[in-house]
Amino acid sequence: MTDTNQIKTASSAEIFVPLTKLKKSPRNKVPHGKEAIEALAASIAAKGMLQNLVVEPETDEGKPTGHYLVTIGEGRRLAQLLRVKRK
């Protein structure tokens, strides 16, 4: 298992970003329950990541921080974090 996820930015370019550089977007309002995250983690373990995450660069006063905000795919990000935690 890798801690790097292939993701698409708003410009539709695919980039690889370490899981440690991904954060929840404040615009993402969908709640993710423990059971849903467990199920996603199991699915990713069995089938791999079927859909890329959609992200945007995080900025601080207009300057990139080096992190990315997950605007679509927060549940998958949380599932990957759970998988890494469990090794």
PDB file of N, CA and C in Angstrom:
ATOM      1  N   MET A   1       0.844  -1.178   0.000  1.00  0.00           N
ATOM      2  CA  MET A   1       0.000   0.000   0.000  1.00  0.00           C
ATOM      3  C   MET A   1       0.883   1.232   0.000  1.00  0.00           C
ATOM      4  N   THR A   2       0.445   2.249  -0.692  1.00  0.00           N
ATOM      5  CA  THR A   2       1.206   3.485  -0.750  1.00  0.00           C
ATOM      6  C   THR A   2       0.441   4.598  -0.057  1.00  0.00           C
ATOM      7  N   ASP A   3       1.153   5.587   0.416  1.00  0.00           N
ATOM      8  CA  ASP A   3       0.472   6.727   1.030  1.00  0.00           C
ATOM      9  C   ASP A   3       0.395   7.887   0.052  1.00  0.00           C
ATOM     10  N   THR A   4       0.530   7.602  -1.245  1.00  0.00           N
ATOM     11  CA  THR A   4       0.393   8.616  -2.280  1.00  0.00           C
ATOM     12  C   THR A   4      -0.859   8.306  -3.075  1.00  0.00           C
ATOM     13  N   ASN A   5      -1.692   9.297  -3.292  1.00  0.00           N
ATOM     14  CA  ASN A   5      -2.924   9.127  -4.024  1.00  0.00           C
ATOM     15  C   ASN A   5      -2.870   9.888  -5.328  1.00  0.00           C
ATOM     16  N   GLN A   6      -3.369   9.235  -6.383  1.00  0.00           N
ATOM     17  CA  GLN A   6      -3.502   9.933  -7.654  1.00  0.00           C
ATOM     18  C   GLN A   6      -4.788  10.727  -7.564  1.00  0.00           C
ATOM     19  N   ILE A   7      -4.685  12.005  -7.837  1.00  0.00           N
ATOM     20  CA  ILE A   7      -5.845  12.867  -7.710  1.00  0.00           C
ATOM     21  C   ILE A   7      -5.908  13.822  -8.883  1.00  0.00           C
ATOM     22  N   LYS A   8      -7.085  14.377  -9.097  1.00  0.00           N
ATOM     23  CA  LYS A   8      -7.254  15.364 -10.145  1.00  0.00           C
ATOM     24  C   LYS A   8      -7.513  16.717  -9.510  1.00  0.00           C
ATOM     25  N   THR A   9      -6.849  17.723 -10.031  1.00  0.00           N
ATOM     26  CA  THR A   9      -7.087  19.084  -9.569  1.00  0.00           C
ATOM     27  C   THR A   9      -8.224  19.668 -10.385  1.00  0.00           C
ATOM     28  N   ALA A  10      -8.683  20.854 -10.030  1.00  0.00           N
ATOM     29  CA  ALA A  10      -9.770  21.508 -10.748  1.00  0.00           C
ATOM     30  C   ALA A  10      -9.429  21.695 -12.218  1.00  0.00           C
ATOM     31  N   SER A  11      -8.156  21.771 -12.550  1.00  0.00           N
ATOM     32  CA  SER A  11      -7.747  21.941 -13.946  1.00  0.00           C
ATOM     33  C   SER A  11      -7.745  20.613 -14.692  1.00  0.00           C
ATOM     34  N   SER A  12      -8.156  19.535 -14.044  1.00  0.00           N
ATOM     35  CA  SER A  12      -8.216  18.187 -14.603  1.00  0.00           C
ATOM     36  C   SER A  12      -6.855  17.553 -14.822  1.00  0.00           C
ATOM     37  N   ALA A  13      -5.799  18.167 -14.348  1.00  0.00           N
ATOM     38  CA  ALA A  13      -4.478  17.546 -14.429  1.00  0.00           C
ATOM     39  C   ALA A  13      -4.355  16.524 -13.317  1.00  0.00           C
ATOM     40  N   GLU A  14      -3.795  15.357 -13.631  1.00  0.00           N
ATOM     41  CA  GLU A  14      -3.579  14.347 -12.607  1.00  0.00           C
ATOM     42  C   GLU A  14      -2.215  14.562 -11.980  1.00  0.00           C
ATOM     43  N   ILE A  15      -2.201  14.546 -10.649  1.00  0.00           N
ATOM     44  CA  ILE A  15      -0.958  14.672  -9.895  1.00  0.00           C
ATOM     45  C   ILE A  15      -0.967  13.620  -8.799  1.00  0.00           C
ATOM     46  N   PHE A  16       0.189  13.285  -8.288  1.00  0.00           N
ATOM     47  CA  PHE A  16       0.298  12.364  -7.172  1.00  0.00           C
ATOM     48  C   PHE A  16       0.675  13.166  -5.941  1.00  0.00           C
ATOM     49  N   VAL A  17      -0.103  12.990  -4.873  1.00  0.00           N
ATOM     50  CA  VAL A  17       0.087  13.762  -3.649  1.00  0.00           C
ATOM     51  C   VAL A  17       0.177  12.802  -2.467  1.00  0.00           C
ATOM     52  N   PRO A  18       1.177  12.962  -1.609  1.00  0.00           N
ATOM     53  CA  PRO A  18       1.240  12.123  -0.402  1.00  0.00           C
ATOM     54  C   PRO A  18      -0.002  12.342   0.463  1.00  0.00           C
ATOM     55  N   LEU A  19      -0.474  11.285   1.063  1.00  0.00           N
ATOM     56  CA  LEU A  19      -1.657  11.357   1.926  1.00  0.00           C
ATOM     57  C   LEU A  19      -1.479  12.398   3.028  1.00  0.00           C
ATOM     58  N   THR A  20      -0.253  12.572   3.496  1.00  0.00           N
ATOM     59  CA  THR A  20       0.021  13.543   4.566  1.00  0.00           C
ATOM     60  C   THR A  20      -0.153  14.987   4.111  1.00  0.00           C
ATOM     61  N   LYS A  21      -0.244  15.206   2.799  1.00  0.00           N
ATOM     62  CA  LYS A  21      -0.410  16.563   2.265  1.00  0.00           C
ATOM     63  C   LYS A  21      -1.862  16.883   1.937  1.00  0.00           C
ATOM     64  N   LEU A  22      -2.774  15.943   2.228  1.00  0.00           N
ATOM     65  CA  LEU A  22      -4.197  16.151   1.946  1.00  0.00           C
ATOM     66  C   LEU A  22      -4.938  16.544   3.215  1.00  0.00           C
ATOM     67  N   LYS A  23      -5.845  17.507   3.075  1.00  0.00           N
ATOM     68  CA  LYS A  23      -6.667  17.978   4.197  1.00  0.00           C
ATOM     69  C   LYS A  23      -8.120  18.075   3.749  1.00  0.00           C
ATOM     70  N   LYS A  24      -9.023  18.014   4.704  1.00  0.00           N
ATOM     71  CA  LYS A  24     -10.441  18.202   4.414  1.00  0.00           C
ATOM     72  C   LYS A  24     -10.686  19.645   4.015  1.00  0.00           C
ATOM     73  N   SER A  25     -11.436  19.840   2.936  1.00  0.00           N
ATOM     74  CA  SER A  25     -11.816  21.184   2.518  1.00  0.00           C
ATOM     75  C   SER A  25     -12.920  21.700   3.429  1.00  0.00           C
ATOM     76  N   PRO A  26     -12.859  22.972   3.826  1.00  0.00           N
ATOM     77  CA  PRO A  26     -13.952  23.532   4.639  1.00  0.00           C
ATOM     78  C   PRO A  26     -15.272  23.555   3.872  1.00  0.00           C
ATOM     79  N   ARG A  27     -15.208  23.446   2.546  1.00  0.00           N
ATOM     80  CA  ARG A  27     -16.427  23.425   1.735  1.00  0.00           C
ATOM     81  C   ARG A  27     -17.080  22.050   1.719  1.00  0.00           C
ATOM     82  N   ASN A  28     -16.380  21.025   2.181  1.00  0.00           N
ATOM     83  CA  ASN A  28     -16.917  19.673   2.201  1.00  0.00           C
ATOM     84  C   ASN A  28     -17.765  19.516   3.456  1.00  0.00           C
ATOM     85  N   LYS A  29     -19.068  19.458   3.300  1.00  0.00           N
ATOM     86  CA  LYS A  29     -19.998  19.417   4.443  1.00  0.00           C
ATOM     87  C   LYS A  29     -20.615  18.048   4.676  1.00  0.00           C
ATOM     88  N   VAL A  30     -20.241  17.048   3.876  1.00  0.00           N
ATOM     89  CA  VAL A  30     -20.834  15.719   3.985  1.00  0.00           C
ATOM     90  C   VAL A  30     -20.256  14.995   5.199  1.00  0.00           C
ATOM     91  N   PRO A  31     -21.114  14.545   6.115  1.00  0.00           N
ATOM     92  CA  PRO A  31     -20.607  13.787   7.268  1.00  0.00           C
ATOM     93  C   PRO A  31     -20.228  12.371   6.843  1.00  0.00           C
ATOM     94  N   HIS A  32     -19.225  11.804   7.479  1.00  0.00           N
ATOM     95  CA  HIS A  32     -18.769  10.453   7.173  1.00  0.00           C
ATOM     96  C   HIS A  32     -18.744   9.643   8.465  1.00  0.00           C
ATOM     97  N   GLY A  33     -19.656   8.681   8.550  1.00  0.00           N
ATOM     98  CA  GLY A  33     -19.742   7.839   9.736  1.00  0.00           C
ATOM     99  C   GLY A  33     -18.663   6.774   9.761  1.00  0.00           C
ATOM    100  N   LYS A  34     -18.427   6.246  10.945  1.00  0.00           N
ATOM    101  CA  LYS A  34     -17.390   5.235  11.143  1.00  0.00           C
ATOM    102  C   LYS A  34     -17.629   4.000  10.271  1.00  0.00           C
ATOM    103  N   GLU A  35     -18.878   3.550  10.196  1.00  0.00           N
ATOM    104  CA  GLU A  35     -19.198   2.360   9.400  1.00  0.00           C
ATOM    105  C   GLU A  35     -18.937   2.609   7.914  1.00  0.00           C
ATOM    106  N   ALA A  36     -19.268   3.787   7.434  1.00  0.00           N
ATOM    107  CA  ALA A  36     -19.036   4.113   6.019  1.00  0.00           C
ATOM    108  C   ALA A  36     -17.546   4.145   5.702  1.00  0.00           C
ATOM    109  N   ILE A  37     -16.759   4.684   6.607  1.00  0.00           N
ATOM    110  CA  ILE A  37     -15.302   4.750   6.405  1.00  0.00           C
ATOM    111  C   ILE A  37     -14.715   3.338   6.433  1.00  0.00           C
ATOM    112  N   GLU A  38     -15.203   2.503   7.356  1.00  0.00           N
ATOM    113  CA  GLU A  38     -14.757   1.103   7.427  1.00  0.00           C
ATOM    114  C   GLU A  38     -15.058   0.384   6.112  1.00  0.00           C
ATOM    115  N   ALA A  39     -16.265   0.585   5.581  1.00  0.00           N
ATOM    116  CA  ALA A  39     -16.661  -0.072   4.330  1.00  0.00           C
ATOM    117  C   ALA A  39     -15.806   0.419   3.159  1.00  0.00           C
ATOM    118  N   LEU A  40     -15.550   1.718   3.112  1.00  0.00           N
ATOM    119  CA  LEU A  40     -14.702   2.262   2.049  1.00  0.00           C
ATOM    120  C   LEU A  40     -13.287   1.714   2.145  1.00  0.00           C
ATOM    121  N   ALA A  41     -12.757   1.620   3.350  1.00  0.00           N
ATOM    122  CA  ALA A  41     -11.406   1.087   3.536  1.00  0.00           C
ATOM    123  C   ALA A  41     -11.332  -0.356   3.041  1.00  0.00           C
ATOM    124  N   ALA A  42     -12.352  -1.151   3.347  1.00  0.00           N
ATOM    125  CA  ALA A  42     -12.384  -2.537   2.888  1.00  0.00           C
ATOM    126  C   ALA A  42     -12.489  -2.607   1.364  1.00  0.00           C
ATOM    127  N   SER A  43     -13.300  -1.752   0.789  1.00  0.00           N
ATOM    128  CA  SER A  43     -13.448  -1.714  -0.670  1.00  0.00           C
ATOM    129  C   SER A  43     -12.142  -1.321  -1.354  1.00  0.00           C
ATOM    130  N   ILE A  44     -11.471  -0.324  -0.810  1.00  0.00           N
ATOM    131  CA  ILE A  44     -10.191   0.114  -1.380  1.00  0.00           C
ATOM    132  C   ILE A  44      -9.159  -0.995  -1.256  1.00  0.00           C
ATOM    133  N   ALA A  45      -9.171  -1.714  -0.145  1.00  0.00           N
ATOM    134  CA  ALA A  45      -8.232  -2.816   0.036  1.00  0.00           C
ATOM    135  C   ALA A  45      -8.484  -3.918  -0.994  1.00  0.00           C
ATOM    136  N   ALA A  46      -9.751  -4.174  -1.294  1.00  0.00           N
ATOM    137  CA  ALA A  46     -10.110  -5.257  -2.217  1.00  0.00           C
ATOM    138  C   ALA A  46      -9.990  -4.861  -3.686  1.00  0.00           C
ATOM    139  N   LYS A  47     -10.400  -3.641  -4.003  1.00  0.00           N
ATOM    140  CA  LYS A  47     -10.512  -3.236  -5.409  1.00  0.00           C
ATOM    141  C   LYS A  47      -9.560  -2.129  -5.826  1.00  0.00           C
ATOM    142  N   GLY A  48      -8.921  -1.483  -4.856  1.00  0.00           N
ATOM    143  CA  GLY A  48      -8.108  -0.309  -5.160  1.00  0.00           C
ATOM    144  C   GLY A  48      -8.970   0.940  -5.186  1.00  0.00           C
ATOM    145  N   MET A  49      -8.330   2.071  -5.411  1.00  0.00           N
ATOM    146  CA  MET A  49      -9.045   3.348  -5.469  1.00  0.00           C
ATOM    147  C   MET A  49      -9.663   3.465  -6.863  1.00  0.00           C
ATOM    148  N   LEU A  50     -10.990   3.418  -6.939  1.00  0.00           N
ATOM    149  CA  LEU A  50     -11.671   3.422  -8.226  1.00  0.00           C
ATOM    150  C   LEU A  50     -11.925   4.826  -8.762  1.00  0.00           C
ATOM    151  N   GLN A  51     -11.990   5.800  -7.898  1.00  0.00           N
ATOM    152  CA  GLN A  51     -12.208   7.185  -8.315  1.00  0.00           C
ATOM    153  C   GLN A  51     -11.139   8.057  -7.684  1.00  0.00           C
ATOM    154  N   ASN A  52     -10.601   8.956  -8.489  1.00  0.00           N
ATOM    155  CA  ASN A  52      -9.606   9.896  -7.976  1.00  0.00           C
ATOM    156  C   ASN A  52     -10.261  10.907  -7.051  1.00  0.00           C
ATOM    157  N   LEU A  53      -9.460  11.458  -6.163  1.00  0.00           N
ATOM    158  CA  LEU A  53      -9.911  12.570  -5.330  1.00  0.00           C
ATOM    159  C   LEU A  53      -9.833  13.842  -6.163  1.00  0.00           C
ATOM    160  N   VAL A  54     -10.664  14.802  -5.838  1.00  0.00           N
ATOM    161  CA  VAL A  54     -10.600  16.115  -6.485  1.00  0.00           C
ATOM    162  C   VAL A  54     -10.122  17.094  -5.419  1.00  0.00           C
ATOM    163  N   VAL A  55      -9.071  17.836  -5.740  1.00  0.00           N
ATOM    164  CA  VAL A  55      -8.459  18.720  -4.754  1.00  0.00           C
ATOM    165  C   VAL A  55      -8.219  20.100  -5.332  1.00  0.00           C
ATOM    166  N   GLU A  56      -7.915  21.010  -4.428  1.00  0.00           N
ATOM    167  CA  GLU A  56      -7.452  22.340  -4.808  1.00  0.00           C
ATOM    168  C   GLU A  56      -6.289  22.695  -3.889  1.00  0.00           C
ATOM    169  N   PRO A  57      -5.331  23.450  -4.383  1.00  0.00           N
ATOM    170  CA  PRO A  57      -4.201  23.827  -3.526  1.00  0.00           C
ATOM    171  C   PRO A  57      -4.679  24.657  -2.340  1.00  0.00           C
ATOM    172  N   GLU A  58      -4.137  24.386  -1.178  1.00  0.00           N
ATOM    173  CA  GLU A  58      -4.418  25.207   0.000  1.00  0.00           C
ATOM    174  C   GLU A  58      -3.529  26.446  -0.078  1.00  0.00           C
ATOM    175  N   THR A  59      -4.100  27.586   0.238  1.00  0.00           N
ATOM    176  CA  THR A  59      -3.313  28.821   0.233  1.00  0.00           C
ATOM    177  C   THR A  59      -3.454  29.530   1.572  1.00  0.00           C
ATOM    178  N   ASP A  60      -2.450  30.306   1.896  1.00  0.00           N
ATOM    179  CA  ASP A  60      -2.451  31.153   3.086  1.00  0.00           C
ATOM    180  C   ASP A  60      -2.046  32.539   2.610  1.00  0.00           C
ATOM    181  N   GLU A  61      -2.989  33.453   2.683  1.00  0.00           N
ATOM    182  CA  GLU A  61      -2.777  34.812   2.184  1.00  0.00           C
ATOM    183  C   GLU A  61      -2.343  34.793   0.714  1.00  0.00           C
ATOM    184  N   GLY A  62      -2.975  33.890  -0.059  1.00  0.00           N
ATOM    185  CA  GLY A  62      -2.717  33.810  -1.487  1.00  0.00           C
ATOM    186  C   GLY A  62      -1.499  33.002  -1.891  1.00  0.00           C
ATOM    187  N   LYS A  63      -0.756  32.502  -0.929  1.00  0.00           N
ATOM    188  CA  LYS A  63       0.451  31.723  -1.234  1.00  0.00           C
ATOM    189  C   LYS A  63       0.199  30.244  -0.958  1.00  0.00           C
ATOM    190  N   PRO A  64       0.613  29.342  -1.868  1.00  0.00           N
ATOM    191  CA  PRO A  64       0.429  27.908  -1.643  1.00  0.00           C
ATOM    192  C   PRO A  64       1.159  27.432  -0.389  1.00  0.00           C
ATOM    193  N   THR A  65       0.493  26.549   0.371  1.00  0.00           N
ATOM    194  CA  THR A  65       1.090  26.016   1.603  1.00  0.00           C
ATOM    195  C   THR A  65       1.818  24.690   1.356  1.00  0.00           C
ATOM    196  N   GLY A  66       1.587  24.097   0.182  1.00  0.00           N
ATOM    197  CA  GLY A  66       2.148  22.777  -0.095  1.00  0.00           C
ATOM    198  C   GLY A  66       1.176  21.652   0.225  1.00  0.00           C
ATOM    199  N   HIS A  67       0.018  22.006   0.778  1.00  0.00           N
ATOM    200  CA  HIS A  67      -1.031  21.032   1.063  1.00  0.00           C
ATOM    201  C   HIS A  67      -2.167  21.218   0.061  1.00  0.00           C
ATOM    202  N   TYR A  68      -3.049  20.213   0.007  1.00  0.00           N
ATOM    203  CA  TYR A  68      -4.197  20.251  -0.894  1.00  0.00           C
ATOM    204  C   TYR A  68      -5.463  19.978  -0.104  1.00  0.00           C
ATOM    205  N   LEU A  69      -6.546  20.682  -0.455  1.00  0.00           N
ATOM    206  CA  LEU A  69      -7.843  20.501   0.190  1.00  0.00           C
ATOM    207  C   LEU A  69      -8.678  19.553  -0.656  1.00  0.00           C
ATOM    208  N   VAL A  70      -9.213  18.510  -0.042  1.00  0.00           N
ATOM    209  CA  VAL A  70     -10.031  17.528  -0.749  1.00  0.00           C
ATOM    210  C   VAL A  70     -11.452  18.065  -0.833  1.00  0.00           C
ATOM    211  N   THR A  71     -11.874  18.424  -2.039  1.00  0.00           N
ATOM    212  CA  THR A  71     -13.219  18.950  -2.236  1.00  0.00           C
ATOM    213  C   THR A  71     -14.209  17.845  -2.601  1.00  0.00           C
ATOM    214  N   ILE A  72     -13.721  16.791  -3.253  1.00  0.00           N
ATOM    215  CA  ILE A  72     -14.549  15.625  -3.560  1.00  0.00           C
ATOM    216  C   ILE A  72     -13.721  14.387  -3.241  1.00  0.00           C
ATOM    217  N   GLY A  73     -14.245  13.551  -2.362  1.00  0.00           N
ATOM    218  CA  GLY A  73     -13.554  12.316  -2.014  1.00  0.00           C
ATOM    219  C   GLY A  73     -13.061  12.275  -0.580  1.00  0.00           C
ATOM    220  N   GLU A  74     -13.647  13.081   0.283  1.00  0.00           N
ATOM    221  CA  GLU A  74     -13.209  13.115   1.686  1.00  0.00           C
ATOM    222  C   GLU A  74     -13.351  11.751   2.356  1.00  0.00           C
ATOM    223  N   GLY A  75     -14.409  11.030   2.048  1.00  0.00           N
ATOM    224  CA  GLY A  75     -14.586   9.701   2.627  1.00  0.00           C
ATOM    225  C   GLY A  75     -13.456   8.763   2.224  1.00  0.00           C
ATOM    226  N   ARG A  76     -13.038   8.850   0.966  1.00  0.00           N
ATOM    227  CA  ARG A  76     -11.922   8.021   0.495  1.00  0.00           C
ATOM    228  C   ARG A  76     -10.622   8.432   1.167  1.00  0.00           C
ATOM    229  N   ARG A  77     -10.450   9.738   1.405  1.00  0.00           N
ATOM    230  CA  ARG A  77      -9.253  10.197   2.120  1.00  0.00           C
ATOM    231  C   ARG A  77      -9.239   9.620   3.540  1.00  0.00           C
ATOM    232  N   LEU A  78     -10.378   9.682   4.213  1.00  0.00           N
ATOM    233  CA  LEU A  78     -10.474   9.142   5.572  1.00  0.00           C
ATOM    234  C   LEU A  78     -10.252   7.633   5.585  1.00  0.00           C
ATOM    235  N   ALA A  79     -10.763   6.940   4.570  1.00  0.00           N
ATOM    236  CA  ALA A  79     -10.565   5.486   4.482  1.00  0.00           C
ATOM    237  C   ALA A  79      -9.088   5.159   4.281  1.00  0.00           C
ATOM    238  N   GLN A  80      -8.408   5.927   3.464  1.00  0.00           N
ATOM    239  CA  GLN A  80      -6.975   5.702   3.256  1.00  0.00           C
ATOM    240  C   GLN A  80      -6.197   5.966   4.549  1.00  0.00           C
ATOM    241  N   LEU A  81      -6.571   7.013   5.270  1.00  0.00           N
ATOM    242  CA  LEU A  81      -5.920   7.279   6.560  1.00  0.00           C
ATOM    243  C   LEU A  81      -6.113   6.099   7.521  1.00  0.00           C
ATOM    244  N   LEU A  82      -7.321   5.527   7.530  1.00  0.00           N
ATOM    245  CA  LEU A  82      -7.596   4.373   8.379  1.00  0.00           C
ATOM    246  C   LEU A  82      -6.733   3.179   7.960  1.00  0.00           C
ATOM    247  N   ARG A  83      -6.605   2.970   6.668  1.00  0.00           N
ATOM    248  CA  ARG A  83      -5.783   1.854   6.170  1.00  0.00           C
ATOM    249  C   ARG A  83      -4.312   2.038   6.566  1.00  0.00           C
ATOM    250  N   VAL A  84      -3.816   3.265   6.471  1.00  0.00           N
ATOM    251  CA  VAL A  84      -2.424   3.525   6.852  1.00  0.00           C
ATOM    252  C   VAL A  84      -2.249   3.304   8.350  1.00  0.00           C
ATOM    253  N   LYS A  85      -3.213   3.760   9.132  1.00  0.00           N
ATOM    254  CA  LYS A  85      -3.147   3.597  10.587  1.00  0.00           C
ATOM    255  C   LYS A  85      -3.078   2.116  10.964  1.00  0.00           C
ATOM    256  N   ARG A  86      -3.831   1.291  10.229  1.00  0.00           N
ATOM    257  CA  ARG A  86      -3.875  -0.146  10.515  1.00  0.00           C
ATOM    258  C   ARG A  86      -2.732  -0.914   9.862  1.00  0.00           C
ATOM    259  N   LYS A  87      -2.053  -0.299   8.921  1.00  0.00           N
ATOM    260  CA  LYS A  87      -0.962  -0.909   8.152  1.00  0.00           C
ATOM    261  C   LYS A  87      -1.427  -2.157   7.483  1.00  0.00           C
TER     262      LYS A  87
END
